[in-house]
Amino acid sequence: MVRENEIRENEVAVEVPPATDAGLVFIGRISTPWTSRMETPRQGRHDGPLCKIEIFEPWRQALRGVEAFERLEVLYWLDRARRDLVLQSPANSGKVHGTFSLRSPVRPNPIGTSIVKLEGVEDGVLLVRGMDCLDGTPLLDLKPDRTLFKPIAPPQPGDFQTGDDEAHYCRKA
């Protein structure tokens, strides 16, 4: 069985440089049923358990209009994750992958993100399905799911100009 902070065969840890202040502010806290990484789902599901995202004052007024969206993108700080592995073996097979090619919580800046289904808003608390983090995880930010979001501001030239009439996407050739 894999333990929470073990280094598996062929994994590589580095010395983490001293932190510099990025000016992050936790705007809330996430409540989930999971208290151990070993029981937390690897990816949230929209039919998963109901979770709560509590928004702290003075940020609650920023929730105005959020109920209009079916899905939200939640960004959170994985405060109990290690930060020193550059090569990881998620299948514990000895085969390694670079941290930036994985969605593992173990990363230099442990920012997690989930697309959640919004079930309701009650007095500064969002009721959602689709989380995949530990109970008590600090909240960094909320945004409407970009696939459902139409900007409120009028378009600007960069929204459409690509140099030709063809749409360009980032993808492997």
Protein backbone atom coordinates (compact mmCIF):
# COMPACT_ATOMS: atom_id res chain seq x y z
CA MET A 1 0.00 0.00 0.00
CA VAL A 2 1.21 3.48 -0.82
CA ARG A 3 1.75 5.81 2.11
CA GLU A 4 1.04 9.53 1.92
CA ASN A 5 4.59 10.91 1.91
CA GLU A 6 6.73 8.03 0.74
CA ILE A 7 9.12 8.36 -2.15
CA ARG A 8 8.51 5.48 -4.54
CA GLU A 9 11.06 3.70 -6.68
CA ASN A 10 12.64 6.06 -9.27
CA GLU A 11 10.89 9.16 -7.92
CA VAL A 12 13.09 12.24 -7.51
CA ALA A 13 12.76 14.92 -4.84
CA VAL A 14 14.59 18.25 -4.89
CA GLU A 15 15.35 20.81 -2.21
CA VAL A 16 12.57 23.39 -2.28
CA PRO A 17 13.88 26.97 -2.57
CA PRO A 18 12.85 29.52 0.05
CA ALA A 19 9.32 30.85 -0.44
CA THR A 20 8.69 34.32 -1.74
CA ASP A 21 5.40 36.00 -0.98
CA ALA A 22 3.02 35.80 -3.93
CA GLY A 23 0.42 37.78 -2.00
CA LEU A 24 -2.16 35.00 -1.99
CA VAL A 25 -5.23 35.44 0.21
CA PHE A 26 -7.42 32.52 1.21
CA ILE A 27 -10.99 33.63 0.52
CA GLY A 28 -12.74 30.63 2.02
CA ARG A 29 -12.55 27.01 3.11
CA ILE A 30 -13.77 23.82 1.44
CA SER A 31 -15.65 21.13 3.39
CA THR A 32 -15.53 17.60 1.96
CA PRO A 33 -16.03 14.12 3.44
CA TRP A 34 -12.33 13.25 3.04
CA THR A 35 -9.72 13.60 5.80
CA SER A 36 -6.93 11.52 4.21
CA ARG A 37 -5.37 11.74 0.77
CA MET A 38 -5.62 7.95 0.61
CA GLU A 39 -9.44 8.12 0.57
CA THR A 40 -9.85 11.24 -1.58
CA PRO A 41 -10.93 10.63 -5.19
CA ARG A 42 -8.29 11.29 -7.84
CA GLN A 43 -10.76 13.40 -9.85
CA GLY A 44 -14.04 14.88 -8.70
CA ARG A 45 -17.30 13.68 -10.24
CA HIS A 46 -20.46 15.65 -10.77
CA ASP A 47 -22.45 12.81 -9.20
CA GLY A 48 -20.10 12.78 -6.18
CA PRO A 49 -21.00 13.84 -2.64
CA LEU A 50 -22.33 17.29 -1.82
CA CYS A 51 -19.48 19.51 -0.61
CA LYS A 52 -19.53 23.02 0.84
CA ILE A 53 -17.39 26.00 -0.05
CA GLU A 54 -17.60 28.66 2.64
CA ILE A 55 -16.67 32.17 1.50
CA PHE A 56 -15.13 34.39 4.19
CA GLU A 57 -16.02 38.04 4.78
CA PRO A 58 -15.39 40.46 3.10
CA TRP A 59 -15.50 38.30 -0.04
CA ARG A 60 -19.13 37.12 0.25
CA GLN A 61 -20.51 40.00 -1.81
CA ALA A 62 -18.34 38.77 -4.71
CA LEU A 63 -20.76 35.82 -5.01
CA ARG A 64 -23.42 38.07 -6.55
CA GLY A 65 -24.59 36.47 -9.81
CA VAL A 66 -22.74 33.18 -9.33
CA GLU A 67 -26.03 31.28 -9.04
CA ALA A 68 -26.59 31.88 -12.77
CA PHE A 69 -23.88 29.34 -13.62
CA GLU A 70 -24.31 25.58 -13.74
CA ARG A 71 -20.59 24.90 -13.27
CA LEU A 72 -17.74 26.75 -11.59
CA GLU A 73 -13.98 26.39 -11.66
CA VAL A 74 -12.63 26.18 -8.11
CA LEU A 75 -8.96 26.94 -7.38
CA TYR A 76 -7.61 25.84 -4.03
CA TRP A 77 -4.35 25.50 -2.09
CA LEU A 78 -3.34 21.90 -1.42
CA ASP A 79 -1.88 22.83 1.95
CA ARG A 80 -0.98 19.28 3.00
CA ALA A 81 0.75 18.22 -0.24
CA ARG A 82 4.49 17.79 -0.56
CA ARG A 83 6.18 20.23 -2.88
CA ASP A 84 9.52 18.63 -3.68
CA LEU A 85 8.99 15.86 -6.26
CA VAL A 86 9.99 16.56 -9.86
CA LEU A 87 9.60 12.95 -11.02
CA GLN A 88 6.69 10.84 -9.77
CA SER A 89 5.54 7.24 -10.15
CA PRO A 90 1.76 7.45 -9.76
CA ALA A 91 1.17 3.77 -10.52
CA ASN A 92 3.99 2.74 -8.15
CA SER A 93 5.40 0.74 -11.08
CA GLY A 94 8.83 2.35 -11.16
CA LYS A 95 7.87 4.22 -14.36
CA VAL A 96 8.20 7.94 -13.74
CA HIS A 97 6.51 11.02 -15.14
CA GLY A 98 7.46 14.66 -14.76
CA THR A 99 5.32 16.50 -12.24
CA PHE A 100 4.07 18.92 -14.91
CA SER A 101 2.67 16.03 -16.97
CA LEU A 102 0.47 14.88 -14.06
CA ARG A 103 -2.53 16.21 -12.15
CA SER A 104 -0.96 15.01 -8.90
CA PRO A 105 -1.35 17.26 -5.83
CA VAL A 106 2.41 16.99 -5.32
CA ARG A 107 3.81 20.06 -7.12
CA PRO A 108 6.05 23.08 -6.44
CA ASN A 109 3.01 25.35 -6.01
CA PRO A 110 0.22 23.02 -4.93
CA ILE A 111 -2.70 24.71 -6.62
CA GLY A 112 -5.66 22.41 -7.21
CA THR A 113 -8.50 23.02 -9.61
CA SER A 114 -11.87 21.35 -10.07
CA ILE A 115 -14.83 22.00 -12.32
CA VAL A 116 -17.82 21.60 -10.00
CA LYS A 117 -21.56 21.43 -10.48
CA LEU A 118 -23.23 24.23 -8.51
CA GLU A 119 -26.20 22.85 -6.57
CA GLY A 120 -27.03 25.99 -4.59
CA VAL A 121 -25.91 29.07 -2.67
CA GLU A 122 -26.91 29.56 0.97
CA ASP A 123 -25.72 32.59 2.94
CA GLY A 124 -22.14 32.71 1.66
CA VAL A 125 -21.82 28.94 1.23
CA LEU A 126 -21.75 27.22 -2.15
CA LEU A 127 -23.14 23.68 -2.35
CA VAL A 128 -21.24 21.80 -5.06
CA ARG A 129 -20.48 18.36 -6.45
CA GLY A 130 -17.18 17.43 -8.08
CA MET A 131 -14.53 18.27 -5.48
CA ASP A 132 -11.42 16.13 -5.02
CA CYS A 133 -9.63 17.69 -2.05
CA LEU A 134 -9.29 17.16 1.69
CA ASP A 135 -11.70 18.60 4.22
CA GLY A 136 -10.58 22.07 5.32
CA THR A 137 -8.66 22.90 2.12
CA PRO A 138 -8.13 26.68 1.72
CA LEU A 139 -9.95 28.34 -1.20
CA LEU A 140 -8.00 30.61 -3.57
CA ASP A 141 -10.56 31.64 -6.17
CA LEU A 142 -13.82 30.86 -8.01
CA LYS A 143 -14.62 31.49 -11.67
CA PRO A 144 -17.45 30.52 -14.01
CA ASP A 145 -16.54 27.45 -16.06
CA ARG A 146 -14.92 28.99 -19.16
CA THR A 147 -16.73 26.59 -21.48
CA LEU A 148 -20.07 28.10 -20.35
CA PHE A 149 -18.95 31.69 -19.87
CA LYS A 150 -19.70 34.52 -22.28
CA PRO A 151 -17.82 37.69 -21.27
CA ILE A 152 -19.99 40.54 -20.04
CA ALA A 153 -17.61 43.22 -21.36
CA PRO A 154 -17.82 44.18 -25.04
CA PRO A 155 -15.42 42.34 -27.38
CA GLN A 156 -11.99 43.80 -28.06
CA PRO A 157 -9.84 43.26 -31.16
CA GLY A 158 -7.72 40.49 -29.64
CA ASP A 159 -10.84 38.38 -29.07
CA PHE A 160 -11.14 37.77 -32.81
CA GLN A 161 -7.93 38.74 -34.60
CA THR A 162 -5.65 35.85 -35.50
CA GLY A 163 -4.09 37.22 -38.70
CA ASP A 164 -6.41 35.18 -40.92
CA ASP A 165 -9.94 33.81 -40.94
CA GLU A 166 -8.96 30.44 -39.50
CA ALA A 167 -9.32 29.56 -35.82
CA HIS A 168 -6.07 28.49 -34.15
CA TYR A 169 -5.88 26.07 -31.23
CA CYS A 170 -3.03 24.82 -29.10
CA ARG A 171 -2.68 21.14 -29.84
CA LYS A 172 -0.07 18.62 -30.74
CA ALA A 173 0.66 18.28 -34.42
